[in-house]
N, C-alpha and C. Protein backbone atom coordinates (compact mmCIF):
# COMPACT_ATOMS: atom_id res chain seq x y z
N MET A 1 -183.32 24.13 44.60
CA MET A 1 -184.01 22.84 44.83
C MET A 1 -183.24 21.92 45.63
N PHE A 2 -183.48 21.33 46.70
CA PHE A 2 -182.70 20.49 47.42
C PHE A 2 -182.53 19.11 46.83
N CYS A 3 -181.41 18.43 46.74
CA CYS A 3 -181.28 17.11 46.23
C CYS A 3 -181.63 16.19 47.36
N ALA A 4 -181.69 14.99 47.15
CA ALA A 4 -181.99 13.93 48.14
C ALA A 4 -180.93 13.78 49.14
N SER A 5 -179.67 13.95 48.65
CA SER A 5 -178.53 13.59 49.40
C SER A 5 -178.32 14.78 50.42
N SER A 6 -178.53 16.12 49.97
CA SER A 6 -178.42 17.17 50.75
C SER A 6 -179.63 17.27 51.68
N LEU A 7 -180.73 16.98 51.42
CA LEU A 7 -181.81 16.90 52.25
C LEU A 7 -181.49 15.96 53.48
N LEU A 8 -181.09 14.65 53.22
CA LEU A 8 -180.73 13.75 54.28
C LEU A 8 -179.58 14.40 55.14
N LYS A 9 -178.60 14.94 54.57
CA LYS A 9 -177.45 15.31 55.43
C LYS A 9 -177.84 16.50 56.17
N ASN A 10 -178.46 17.44 55.56
CA ASN A 10 -178.99 18.66 56.42
C ASN A 10 -179.87 18.33 57.53
N THR A 11 -180.75 17.51 57.05
CA THR A 11 -181.69 17.02 58.25
C THR A 11 -181.05 16.48 59.39
N ARG A 12 -179.97 15.70 59.08
CA ARG A 12 -179.31 14.98 60.22
C ARG A 12 -178.41 15.96 60.96
N LEU A 13 -177.77 16.92 60.23
CA LEU A 13 -176.95 17.86 60.98
C LEU A 13 -177.70 18.92 61.83
N ASP A 14 -179.07 19.16 61.26
CA ASP A 14 -179.95 19.92 62.16
C ASP A 14 -180.50 19.30 63.52
N LYS A 15 -180.53 18.05 63.38
CA LYS A 15 -180.80 17.17 64.63
C LYS A 15 -179.53 16.97 65.46
N GLU A 16 -178.38 17.17 64.76
CA GLU A 16 -177.14 16.94 65.40
C GLU A 16 -176.93 15.52 65.80
N TRP A 17 -177.16 14.65 64.88
CA TRP A 17 -177.05 13.31 65.10
C TRP A 17 -175.76 12.82 64.38
N GLU A 18 -175.01 11.82 64.80
CA GLU A 18 -173.86 11.26 64.36
C GLU A 18 -174.23 10.06 63.46
N LEU A 19 -173.48 10.05 62.19
CA LEU A 19 -173.66 8.91 61.43
C LEU A 19 -173.51 7.62 62.07
N SER A 20 -172.47 7.52 62.94
CA SER A 20 -172.28 6.27 63.64
C SER A 20 -173.50 5.76 64.40
N ASP A 21 -173.98 6.79 65.10
CA ASP A 21 -175.33 6.29 65.94
C ASP A 21 -176.42 5.81 64.90
N ILE A 22 -176.69 6.62 63.74
CA ILE A 22 -177.60 6.19 62.93
C ILE A 22 -177.39 4.82 62.38
N SER A 23 -176.17 4.65 61.93
CA SER A 23 -175.65 3.40 61.34
C SER A 23 -175.98 2.09 62.30
N LYS A 24 -175.84 2.23 63.73
CA LYS A 24 -176.15 1.23 64.64
C LYS A 24 -177.62 1.20 64.58
N LYS A 25 -178.34 2.17 64.69
CA LYS A 25 -179.90 2.16 64.91
C LYS A 25 -180.57 1.48 63.60
N ILE A 26 -180.16 1.75 62.42
CA ILE A 26 -180.83 1.20 61.29
C ILE A 26 -180.15 0.09 60.60
N LYS A 27 -179.01 -0.18 61.31
CA LYS A 27 -178.16 -1.40 61.12
C LYS A 27 -177.74 -1.35 59.48
N VAL A 28 -177.11 -0.31 59.11
CA VAL A 28 -176.46 -0.06 57.95
C VAL A 28 -175.10 0.36 58.12
N PRO A 29 -174.17 -0.12 57.26
CA PRO A 29 -172.72 0.32 57.43
C PRO A 29 -172.57 1.81 57.16
N ILE A 30 -171.68 2.32 58.02
CA ILE A 30 -171.72 3.84 57.92
C ILE A 30 -170.99 4.24 56.59
N LYS A 31 -170.28 3.53 56.01
CA LYS A 31 -169.65 3.77 54.70
C LYS A 31 -170.72 4.16 53.64
N TYR A 32 -171.79 3.28 53.76
CA TYR A 32 -173.02 3.52 52.92
C TYR A 32 -173.68 4.89 52.94
N LEU A 33 -173.82 5.16 54.25
CA LEU A 33 -174.65 6.52 54.58
C LEU A 33 -173.71 7.50 54.24
N GLU A 34 -172.42 7.50 54.31
CA GLU A 34 -171.42 8.53 53.87
C GLU A 34 -171.57 8.84 52.71
N ALA A 35 -171.47 7.57 51.77
CA ALA A 35 -171.63 7.65 50.21
C ALA A 35 -172.81 8.26 49.84
N ILE A 36 -173.92 8.05 50.29
CA ILE A 36 -175.34 8.53 50.01
C ILE A 36 -175.29 10.18 50.33
N GLU A 37 -174.80 10.49 51.40
CA GLU A 37 -174.69 11.94 51.72
C GLU A 37 -173.81 12.82 50.78
N ASN A 38 -172.62 12.15 50.53
CA ASN A 38 -171.76 12.93 49.65
C ASN A 38 -171.84 12.56 48.02
N GLU A 39 -172.92 11.75 47.78
CA GLU A 39 -173.20 11.39 46.23
C GLU A 39 -172.08 10.77 45.72
N ASP A 40 -171.45 9.79 46.35
CA ASP A 40 -170.25 9.10 45.96
C ASP A 40 -170.86 7.77 45.28
N VAL A 41 -171.19 8.04 44.05
CA VAL A 41 -171.91 6.95 43.29
C VAL A 41 -171.23 5.71 43.39
N CYS A 42 -169.68 5.73 43.09
CA CYS A 42 -169.00 4.57 43.09
C CYS A 42 -169.01 3.71 44.44
N SER A 43 -169.35 4.29 45.47
CA SER A 43 -169.43 3.70 46.65
C SER A 43 -171.02 3.11 47.25
N PHE A 44 -171.88 3.57 46.24
CA PHE A 44 -173.11 3.06 46.59
C PHE A 44 -173.30 1.64 46.75
N PRO A 45 -174.24 1.02 47.47
CA PRO A 45 -174.36 -0.45 47.62
C PRO A 45 -175.21 -0.93 46.43
N GLN A 46 -175.27 -2.18 46.08
CA GLN A 46 -176.06 -2.65 44.96
C GLN A 46 -177.53 -2.44 45.35
N GLU A 47 -178.21 -2.32 44.09
CA GLU A 47 -179.89 -2.47 44.25
C GLU A 47 -180.27 -3.83 44.51
N PRO A 48 -181.33 -4.01 45.26
CA PRO A 48 -182.24 -2.96 45.88
C PRO A 48 -181.79 -2.49 47.22
N TYR A 49 -180.58 -2.88 47.59
CA TYR A 49 -180.25 -2.72 48.88
C TYR A 49 -180.01 -1.16 49.19
N CYS A 50 -179.63 -0.47 48.06
CA CYS A 50 -179.36 1.02 47.99
C CYS A 50 -180.76 1.77 48.43
N SER A 51 -181.74 1.34 47.56
CA SER A 51 -182.97 2.02 47.73
C SER A 51 -183.58 1.86 49.02
N LEU A 52 -183.54 0.66 49.72
CA LEU A 52 -184.00 0.32 50.92
C LEU A 52 -183.16 1.20 52.13
N ILE A 53 -182.01 1.40 51.81
CA ILE A 53 -181.34 2.22 52.93
C ILE A 53 -181.75 3.45 52.83
N ILE A 54 -181.94 4.14 51.73
CA ILE A 54 -182.32 5.65 51.51
C ILE A 54 -183.73 5.69 52.11
N LYS A 55 -184.74 4.75 51.82
CA LYS A 55 -185.93 4.89 52.37
C LYS A 55 -185.99 4.84 53.99
N ASP A 56 -185.16 3.83 54.45
CA ASP A 56 -185.04 3.65 55.93
C ASP A 56 -184.27 4.89 56.63
N TYR A 57 -183.28 5.41 55.93
CA TYR A 57 -182.68 6.53 56.36
C TYR A 57 -183.51 7.62 56.49
N GLY A 58 -184.40 7.97 55.43
CA GLY A 58 -185.35 9.03 55.38
C GLY A 58 -186.31 8.94 56.49
N ASP A 59 -187.00 7.65 56.70
CA ASP A 59 -187.93 7.44 57.75
C ASP A 59 -187.38 7.59 59.14
N TYR A 60 -186.06 7.23 59.30
CA TYR A 60 -185.46 7.36 60.56
C TYR A 60 -185.30 8.93 61.15
N LEU A 61 -185.02 9.76 59.91
CA LEU A 61 -184.73 11.14 60.21
C LEU A 61 -186.12 11.83 60.31
N GLY A 62 -187.13 11.22 60.22
CA GLY A 62 -188.50 11.96 60.34
C GLY A 62 -189.03 12.36 59.00
N LEU A 63 -188.48 11.97 58.00
CA LEU A 63 -188.83 12.48 56.67
C LEU A 63 -189.73 11.31 56.16
N ASN A 64 -190.39 11.66 54.79
CA ASN A 64 -191.23 10.59 54.27
C ASN A 64 -190.18 9.81 53.44
N GLY A 65 -189.69 8.43 53.80
CA GLY A 65 -188.82 7.77 53.17
C GLY A 65 -189.16 7.55 51.66
N THR A 66 -190.24 7.22 51.39
CA THR A 66 -190.69 6.96 49.91
C THR A 66 -190.48 8.44 49.28
N ASP A 67 -190.85 9.44 49.70
CA ASP A 67 -190.55 10.67 49.02
C ASP A 67 -189.18 10.96 48.73
N VAL A 68 -188.27 10.69 49.83
CA VAL A 68 -186.84 10.87 49.65
C VAL A 68 -186.30 10.02 48.59
N LEU A 69 -186.84 8.71 48.61
CA LEU A 69 -186.24 7.73 47.72
C LEU A 69 -186.80 8.22 46.22
N ALA A 70 -187.83 8.60 46.00
CA ALA A 70 -188.36 9.28 44.65
C ALA A 70 -187.32 10.38 44.27
N LEU A 71 -187.13 11.25 45.26
CA LEU A 71 -186.49 12.45 44.81
C LEU A 71 -184.84 12.04 44.58
N PHE A 72 -184.31 11.03 45.36
CA PHE A 72 -183.07 10.34 44.96
C PHE A 72 -182.96 9.87 43.70
N ARG A 73 -183.90 9.11 43.35
CA ARG A 73 -183.94 8.41 41.95
C ARG A 73 -183.95 9.62 40.87
N ARG A 74 -184.67 10.57 41.04
CA ARG A 74 -184.89 11.61 40.13
C ARG A 74 -183.55 12.40 39.92
N ASP A 75 -182.90 12.62 41.16
CA ASP A 75 -181.81 13.35 40.97
C ASP A 75 -180.77 12.69 40.18
N PHE A 76 -180.49 11.36 40.50
CA PHE A 76 -179.53 10.67 39.74
C PHE A 76 -179.91 10.12 38.25
N ASP A 77 -181.15 10.16 38.15
CA ASP A 77 -181.55 9.82 36.72
C ASP A 77 -181.45 11.05 35.82
N GLN A 78 -181.62 12.22 36.30
CA GLN A 78 -181.41 13.31 35.66
C GLN A 78 -179.82 13.65 35.43
N LYS A 79 -178.91 13.33 36.40
CA LYS A 79 -177.54 13.48 36.22
C LYS A 79 -176.99 12.54 35.06
N GLY A 80 -177.53 11.23 34.98
CA GLY A 80 -177.01 10.33 34.00
C GLY A 80 -177.52 10.77 32.68
N LYS A 81 -178.75 11.36 32.49
CA LYS A 81 -179.10 11.91 31.19
C LYS A 81 -178.37 12.99 30.89
N THR A 82 -178.05 14.00 31.80
CA THR A 82 -177.20 15.29 31.45
C THR A 82 -175.85 14.78 31.12
N LYS A 83 -175.18 13.81 31.63
CA LYS A 83 -173.91 13.29 31.17
C LYS A 83 -173.89 12.71 29.86
N ASN A 84 -174.92 11.91 29.52
CA ASN A 84 -175.08 11.29 28.26
C ASN A 84 -175.27 12.38 27.17
N LYS A 85 -176.09 13.48 27.48
CA LYS A 85 -176.36 14.36 26.43
C LYS A 85 -175.25 15.30 26.26
N LYS A 86 -174.36 15.64 27.21
CA LYS A 86 -173.09 16.27 27.00
C LYS A 86 -172.25 15.39 26.15
N SER A 87 -172.09 14.27 26.57
CA SER A 87 -171.13 13.37 25.83
C SER A 87 -171.62 13.42 24.31
N LEU A 88 -172.95 13.28 23.81
CA LEU A 88 -173.56 13.26 22.65
C LEU A 88 -173.09 14.54 21.87
N LEU A 89 -173.40 15.68 22.49
CA LEU A 89 -173.17 16.91 21.84
C LEU A 89 -171.82 17.40 21.61
N PHE A 90 -170.83 16.63 22.50
CA PHE A 90 -169.56 17.04 22.31
C PHE A 90 -168.96 16.97 20.82
N SER A 91 -169.56 15.82 20.15
CA SER A 91 -169.06 15.66 18.70
C SER A 91 -169.56 16.56 17.68
N PHE A 92 -170.69 17.20 18.26
CA PHE A 92 -171.58 18.15 17.17
C PHE A 92 -171.56 19.62 17.68
N THR A 93 -170.97 20.11 18.63
CA THR A 93 -170.99 21.40 18.81
C THR A 93 -170.40 22.34 17.96
N PRO A 94 -170.81 23.56 17.65
CA PRO A 94 -170.15 24.50 16.72
C PRO A 94 -168.62 24.81 17.14
N LYS A 95 -168.48 24.68 18.26
CA LYS A 95 -167.00 25.00 18.72
C LYS A 95 -166.14 23.92 18.40
N PHE A 96 -166.76 22.80 18.59
CA PHE A 96 -166.09 21.41 18.36
C PHE A 96 -165.65 21.42 16.87
N THR A 97 -166.73 21.74 16.04
CA THR A 97 -166.50 21.58 14.65
C THR A 97 -165.67 22.74 14.19
N PHE A 98 -165.59 23.93 14.64
CA PHE A 98 -164.59 24.91 14.39
C PHE A 98 -163.16 24.57 14.67
N PHE A 99 -163.10 23.94 15.87
CA PHE A 99 -161.73 23.52 16.29
C PHE A 99 -161.10 22.48 15.28
N VAL A 100 -161.93 21.51 14.94
CA VAL A 100 -161.56 20.53 13.88
C VAL A 100 -161.06 21.11 12.63
N SER A 101 -162.12 22.08 12.15
CA SER A 101 -161.88 22.75 10.83
C SER A 101 -160.45 23.48 10.88
N LEU A 102 -160.26 24.20 11.99
CA LEU A 102 -159.18 25.13 12.05
C LEU A 102 -157.89 24.27 12.12
N LEU A 103 -157.98 22.93 12.76
CA LEU A 103 -156.80 22.16 12.95
C LEU A 103 -156.47 21.52 11.69
N LEU A 104 -157.46 21.15 10.86
CA LEU A 104 -157.17 20.70 9.49
C LEU A 104 -156.49 21.67 8.61
N VAL A 105 -157.01 23.03 8.71
CA VAL A 105 -156.51 24.12 7.95
C VAL A 105 -154.99 24.29 8.22
N VAL A 106 -154.76 24.24 9.55
CA VAL A 106 -153.34 24.47 9.90
C VAL A 106 -152.48 23.33 9.48
N LEU A 107 -153.00 22.20 9.60
CA LEU A 107 -152.25 20.95 9.27
C LEU A 107 -151.83 21.03 7.70
N PHE A 108 -152.84 21.32 6.90
CA PHE A 108 -152.71 21.35 5.53
C PHE A 108 -151.67 22.53 5.10
N PHE A 109 -151.78 23.67 5.77
CA PHE A 109 -150.92 24.69 5.47
C PHE A 109 -149.40 24.43 6.01
N LEU A 110 -149.23 23.50 6.93
CA LEU A 110 -147.79 23.22 7.43
C LEU A 110 -147.24 22.12 6.41
N ILE A 111 -148.18 21.24 5.85
CA ILE A 111 -147.94 20.47 4.85
C ILE A 111 -147.35 21.13 3.57
N TYR A 112 -148.19 22.03 3.30
CA TYR A 112 -147.72 22.83 1.99
C TYR A 112 -146.45 23.65 2.31
N LEU A 113 -146.23 24.25 3.33
CA LEU A 113 -145.12 25.03 3.59
C LEU A 113 -143.86 24.00 3.62
N THR A 114 -143.89 22.75 4.20
CA THR A 114 -143.03 21.85 4.22
C THR A 114 -142.60 21.33 2.83
N SER A 115 -143.71 21.24 1.97
CA SER A 115 -143.35 20.68 0.55
C SER A 115 -142.59 21.76 -0.23
N GLU A 116 -142.94 23.13 -0.02
CA GLU A 116 -142.43 24.10 -0.75
C GLU A 116 -141.03 24.35 -0.18
N TYR A 117 -140.76 24.09 1.23
CA TYR A 117 -139.36 24.27 1.62
C TYR A 117 -138.33 23.23 1.06
N ILE A 118 -138.93 22.05 0.97
CA ILE A 118 -138.14 20.83 0.51
C ILE A 118 -137.95 21.21 -1.08
N LYS A 119 -138.91 21.61 -1.87
CA LYS A 119 -138.75 21.89 -3.33
C LYS A 119 -137.85 22.88 -3.35
N PHE A 120 -137.83 24.05 -2.65
CA PHE A 120 -136.94 25.19 -2.86
C PHE A 120 -135.48 24.75 -2.45
N HIS A 121 -135.17 23.78 -1.60
CA HIS A 121 -133.92 23.51 -1.25
C HIS A 121 -133.27 22.33 -1.75
N GLN A 122 -133.91 21.58 -2.74
CA GLN A 122 -133.52 20.49 -3.45
C GLN A 122 -132.98 20.78 -4.69
N PRO A 123 -132.07 20.02 -5.25
CA PRO A 123 -131.42 20.25 -6.59
C PRO A 123 -132.61 20.20 -7.57
N PRO A 124 -132.61 20.95 -8.72
CA PRO A 124 -133.75 20.72 -9.65
C PRO A 124 -133.71 19.32 -10.48
N LYS A 125 -134.67 18.92 -10.88
CA LYS A 125 -134.94 17.61 -11.65
C LYS A 125 -134.21 17.88 -13.07
N LEU A 126 -133.58 16.94 -13.59
CA LEU A 126 -132.96 17.11 -14.94
C LEU A 126 -133.08 15.87 -15.71
N GLU A 127 -133.85 15.76 -16.81
CA GLU A 127 -133.74 14.54 -17.77
C GLU A 127 -133.22 15.06 -19.18
N VAL A 128 -132.18 14.26 -19.61
CA VAL A 128 -131.58 14.75 -20.80
C VAL A 128 -131.90 13.50 -21.82
N ILE A 129 -132.15 13.93 -23.03
CA ILE A 129 -132.46 12.97 -24.08
C ILE A 129 -131.13 13.06 -24.96
N TRP A 130 -130.38 11.99 -25.04
CA TRP A 130 -129.04 11.88 -25.74
C TRP A 130 -129.34 11.29 -27.14
N PRO A 131 -128.46 11.41 -28.11
CA PRO A 131 -128.45 10.68 -29.23
C PRO A 131 -128.52 9.03 -29.00
N LEU A 132 -129.18 8.26 -29.65
CA LEU A 132 -129.36 6.97 -29.36
C LEU A 132 -127.88 6.25 -29.55
N GLU A 133 -127.11 6.50 -30.32
CA GLU A 133 -125.81 5.91 -30.54
C GLU A 133 -124.80 6.83 -29.90
N ALA A 134 -123.69 6.01 -29.24
CA ALA A 134 -122.77 6.66 -28.57
C ALA A 134 -121.72 7.35 -29.68
N THR A 135 -121.66 6.84 -30.75
CA THR A 135 -120.78 7.36 -31.90
C THR A 135 -121.66 7.85 -33.17
N VAL A 136 -121.64 9.09 -33.42
CA VAL A 136 -122.46 9.57 -34.63
C VAL A 136 -121.53 9.97 -35.65
N SER A 137 -122.24 9.96 -36.97
CA SER A 137 -121.40 10.20 -38.11
C SER A 137 -121.65 11.77 -38.61
N SER A 138 -122.12 12.54 -37.61
CA SER A 138 -122.46 13.93 -37.94
C SER A 138 -121.62 14.81 -36.94
N SER A 139 -121.34 15.90 -37.54
CA SER A 139 -120.67 16.97 -36.70
C SER A 139 -121.65 17.86 -35.80
N VAL A 140 -122.87 17.52 -35.91
CA VAL A 140 -123.90 18.32 -35.06
C VAL A 140 -124.96 17.39 -34.54
N VAL A 141 -125.20 17.32 -33.16
CA VAL A 141 -126.15 16.68 -32.71
C VAL A 141 -127.22 17.54 -32.05
N GLU A 142 -128.33 17.17 -31.62
CA GLU A 142 -129.50 17.81 -30.92
C GLU A 142 -129.65 17.24 -29.50
N ILE A 143 -129.47 17.97 -28.47
CA ILE A 143 -129.57 17.61 -27.07
C ILE A 143 -130.85 18.17 -26.60
N SER A 144 -131.77 17.61 -25.96
CA SER A 144 -132.95 18.01 -25.57
C SER A 144 -133.25 17.47 -24.05
N GLY A 145 -134.08 18.04 -23.25
CA GLY A 145 -134.38 17.34 -22.14
C GLY A 145 -135.60 18.28 -21.37
N VAL A 146 -135.67 17.94 -20.08
CA VAL A 146 -136.82 18.54 -19.27
C VAL A 146 -136.25 18.74 -17.91
N THR A 147 -136.43 20.04 -17.50
CA THR A 147 -135.94 20.51 -15.93
C THR A 147 -137.09 21.30 -15.30
N ASP A 148 -136.89 21.89 -14.21
CA ASP A 148 -137.82 22.78 -13.63
C ASP A 148 -137.93 24.00 -14.43
N SER A 149 -139.22 24.39 -14.62
CA SER A 149 -139.35 25.69 -15.39
C SER A 149 -138.70 26.88 -14.94
N GLU A 150 -138.44 26.93 -13.65
CA GLU A 150 -137.70 28.37 -13.06
C GLU A 150 -136.15 28.08 -13.07
N SER A 151 -135.76 26.81 -13.56
CA SER A 151 -134.26 26.82 -13.60
C SER A 151 -133.61 27.29 -14.91
N THR A 152 -132.31 27.44 -14.59
CA THR A 152 -131.58 27.82 -15.83
C THR A 152 -130.58 26.64 -16.36
N VAL A 153 -130.59 26.56 -17.69
CA VAL A 153 -129.89 25.30 -18.12
C VAL A 153 -128.65 25.73 -18.90
N ARG A 154 -127.45 25.13 -18.69
CA ARG A 154 -126.23 25.44 -19.58
C ARG A 154 -125.83 24.13 -20.00
N ILE A 155 -125.38 24.18 -21.42
CA ILE A 155 -124.74 22.93 -22.05
C ILE A 155 -123.49 23.45 -22.50
N ASN A 156 -122.33 22.80 -21.80
CA ASN A 156 -121.05 23.13 -22.02
C ASN A 156 -120.74 24.67 -21.77
N ASP A 157 -121.32 25.17 -20.76
CA ASP A 157 -121.37 26.64 -20.39
C ASP A 157 -122.09 27.45 -21.30
N ASP A 158 -122.88 27.09 -22.34
CA ASP A 158 -123.74 27.85 -23.24
C ASP A 158 -125.12 27.82 -22.43
N LEU A 159 -125.56 29.14 -22.40
CA LEU A 159 -126.95 29.34 -21.71
C LEU A 159 -128.07 28.82 -22.73
N ILE A 160 -128.98 28.19 -22.34
CA ILE A 160 -129.98 27.48 -23.10
C ILE A 160 -131.45 27.95 -22.55
N LEU A 161 -132.20 28.32 -23.54
CA LEU A 161 -133.69 28.84 -23.28
C LEU A 161 -134.42 27.66 -22.79
N VAL A 162 -135.24 27.93 -21.70
CA VAL A 162 -136.07 26.76 -21.18
C VAL A 162 -137.52 27.35 -21.21
N ASP A 163 -138.44 26.58 -21.65
CA ASP A 163 -139.87 27.14 -21.91
C ASP A 163 -140.59 27.03 -20.59
N VAL A 164 -142.02 27.41 -20.69
CA VAL A 164 -142.67 27.39 -19.33
C VAL A 164 -142.84 25.83 -18.77
N ASN A 165 -142.65 24.97 -19.73
CA ASN A 165 -142.85 23.57 -19.27
C ASN A 165 -141.57 22.93 -18.83
N GLY A 166 -140.48 23.67 -18.90
CA GLY A 166 -139.12 23.36 -18.57
C GLY A 166 -138.52 22.55 -19.54
N VAL A 167 -139.08 22.54 -20.77
CA VAL A 167 -138.43 21.87 -21.91
C VAL A 167 -137.30 22.76 -22.56
N PHE A 168 -136.17 22.16 -22.93
CA PHE A 168 -135.18 22.70 -23.56
C PHE A 168 -134.49 21.86 -24.59
N GLN A 169 -133.96 22.50 -25.63
CA GLN A 169 -133.21 21.85 -26.80
C GLN A 169 -132.05 22.64 -27.34
N LYS A 170 -130.95 21.99 -27.92
CA LYS A 170 -129.96 22.60 -28.46
C LYS A 170 -129.28 21.90 -29.40
N LYS A 171 -128.76 22.47 -30.56
CA LYS A 171 -127.92 21.69 -31.36
C LYS A 171 -126.55 22.01 -30.99
N ILE A 172 -125.56 20.92 -30.85
CA ILE A 172 -124.31 21.14 -30.39
C ILE A 172 -123.35 20.72 -31.50
N ASN A 173 -122.36 21.58 -31.72
CA ASN A 173 -121.28 21.29 -32.78
C ASN A 173 -120.26 20.26 -32.20
N LEU A 174 -119.84 19.23 -32.80
CA LEU A 174 -119.09 18.22 -32.36
C LEU A 174 -117.63 18.45 -33.04
N ASN A 175 -116.68 17.97 -32.31
CA ASN A 175 -115.27 17.90 -32.98
C ASN A 175 -115.01 16.49 -33.28
N SER A 176 -114.32 16.18 -34.20
CA SER A 176 -113.87 14.85 -34.39
C SER A 176 -113.30 14.17 -33.20
N GLY A 177 -113.84 12.91 -32.95
CA GLY A 177 -113.33 12.21 -31.80
C GLY A 177 -114.29 12.37 -30.62
N ASP A 178 -113.90 12.16 -29.37
CA ASP A 178 -114.69 12.21 -28.26
C ASP A 178 -115.01 13.58 -27.82
N ASN A 179 -116.19 13.94 -27.57
CA ASN A 179 -116.84 15.12 -27.04
C ASN A 179 -117.53 15.08 -25.78
N ASN A 180 -117.01 15.59 -24.79
CA ASN A 180 -117.66 15.56 -23.59
C ASN A 180 -118.64 16.62 -23.19
N ILE A 181 -119.97 16.20 -23.27
CA ILE A 181 -121.08 17.05 -23.17
C ILE A 181 -121.51 17.09 -21.68
N ILE A 182 -121.50 18.28 -21.25
CA ILE A 182 -121.94 18.63 -19.78
C ILE A 182 -123.35 19.55 -19.87
N VAL A 183 -124.42 18.96 -19.19
CA VAL A 183 -125.54 19.46 -19.19
C VAL A 183 -125.87 19.82 -17.79
N GLU A 184 -126.13 21.20 -17.40
CA GLU A 184 -126.22 21.56 -16.02
C GLU A 184 -127.60 22.41 -15.90
N SER A 185 -128.40 22.08 -14.81
CA SER A 185 -129.53 22.65 -14.52
C SER A 185 -129.38 23.50 -13.21
N ILE A 186 -129.67 24.78 -13.13
CA ILE A 186 -129.30 25.50 -11.79
C ILE A 186 -130.67 26.15 -11.31
N SER A 187 -131.06 25.77 -10.11
CA SER A 187 -132.35 26.29 -9.69
C SER A 187 -132.21 27.82 -9.14
N GLN A 188 -133.26 28.37 -8.82
CA GLN A 188 -133.30 29.92 -8.23
C GLN A 188 -132.42 30.11 -7.02
N ASN A 189 -132.42 28.94 -6.14
CA ASN A 189 -131.47 28.96 -4.89
C ASN A 189 -130.14 28.56 -5.10
N GLY A 190 -129.65 28.37 -6.23
CA GLY A 190 -128.33 28.02 -6.57
C GLY A 190 -128.12 26.57 -6.56
N LYS A 191 -129.05 25.69 -6.17
CA LYS A 191 -128.70 24.32 -6.22
C LYS A 191 -128.57 23.71 -7.65
N SER A 192 -127.72 22.85 -8.00
CA SER A 192 -127.65 22.34 -9.39
C SER A 192 -127.57 20.89 -9.59
N THR A 193 -127.93 20.55 -10.68
CA THR A 193 -128.04 19.11 -11.23
C THR A 193 -127.24 19.03 -12.50
N THR A 194 -126.22 18.24 -12.46
CA THR A 194 -125.42 17.96 -13.76
C THR A 194 -125.43 16.48 -14.30
N VAL A 195 -125.54 16.40 -15.68
CA VAL A 195 -125.43 15.21 -16.20
C VAL A 195 -124.46 15.38 -17.42
N THR A 196 -123.60 14.36 -17.43
CA THR A 196 -122.55 14.34 -18.55
C THR A 196 -122.53 12.97 -19.36
N LYS A 197 -122.02 13.24 -20.52
CA LYS A 197 -122.08 12.00 -21.45
C LYS A 197 -120.97 12.41 -22.58
N ILE A 198 -120.12 11.32 -23.02
CA ILE A 198 -119.25 11.49 -23.92
C ILE A 198 -119.76 10.88 -25.35
N ILE A 199 -119.86 11.89 -26.22
CA ILE A 199 -120.38 11.50 -27.74
C ILE A 199 -119.16 11.51 -28.60
N LYS A 200 -119.03 10.52 -29.33
CA LYS A 200 -117.87 10.37 -30.30
C LYS A 200 -118.46 10.73 -31.74
N SER A 201 -117.63 11.56 -32.30
CA SER A 201 -117.92 11.96 -33.74
C SER A 201 -117.02 11.26 -34.68
N SER A 202 -117.42 10.39 -35.64
CA SER A 202 -116.61 9.86 -36.69
C SER A 202 -116.06 10.60 -37.87
N LEU A 203 -116.58 11.86 -37.83
CA LEU A 203 -116.09 12.64 -38.89
C LEU A 203 -114.70 13.53 -38.47
């Protein structure tokens, strides 16, 4: 099916007429005729001037100007509807939905990998619960705390059992005077966190 612009252009070329001559005959700037033939919408004149030009141009070429104008309006009305329809469907097509879903999955996966990488390469957490008093009147104190469940805990180089929740506890024998208590948590990748405290025994 021929569109109005092609019909006008092909008819003119068949007659071997120049746009410059037609421009002078129907008293229309040649730039508007070129825009109409090339479907250059941005260069179309304002209405109702555009419609008048198309009708006069069609009549001058021996066509029915009214029919050419109706065809022209139908062509560009359909193009406008198609453009709007494509713009609306862009947000709801299965392909677009799949692309967005895939992008979100990849994004969450990257976030997960990043968090696991950081977790693996950082020192383990270590919270130690010390006796409330810096000086105790006992030869034995209980040291407890929480660390990562996969970590290994040592208190003064003694290996301490850690449960599935990362909780540990150990009774430590004290010497009379100052006792330097060293609690160290070592993760699977060799990173360590150390907490020390001096506890004084008055016995």
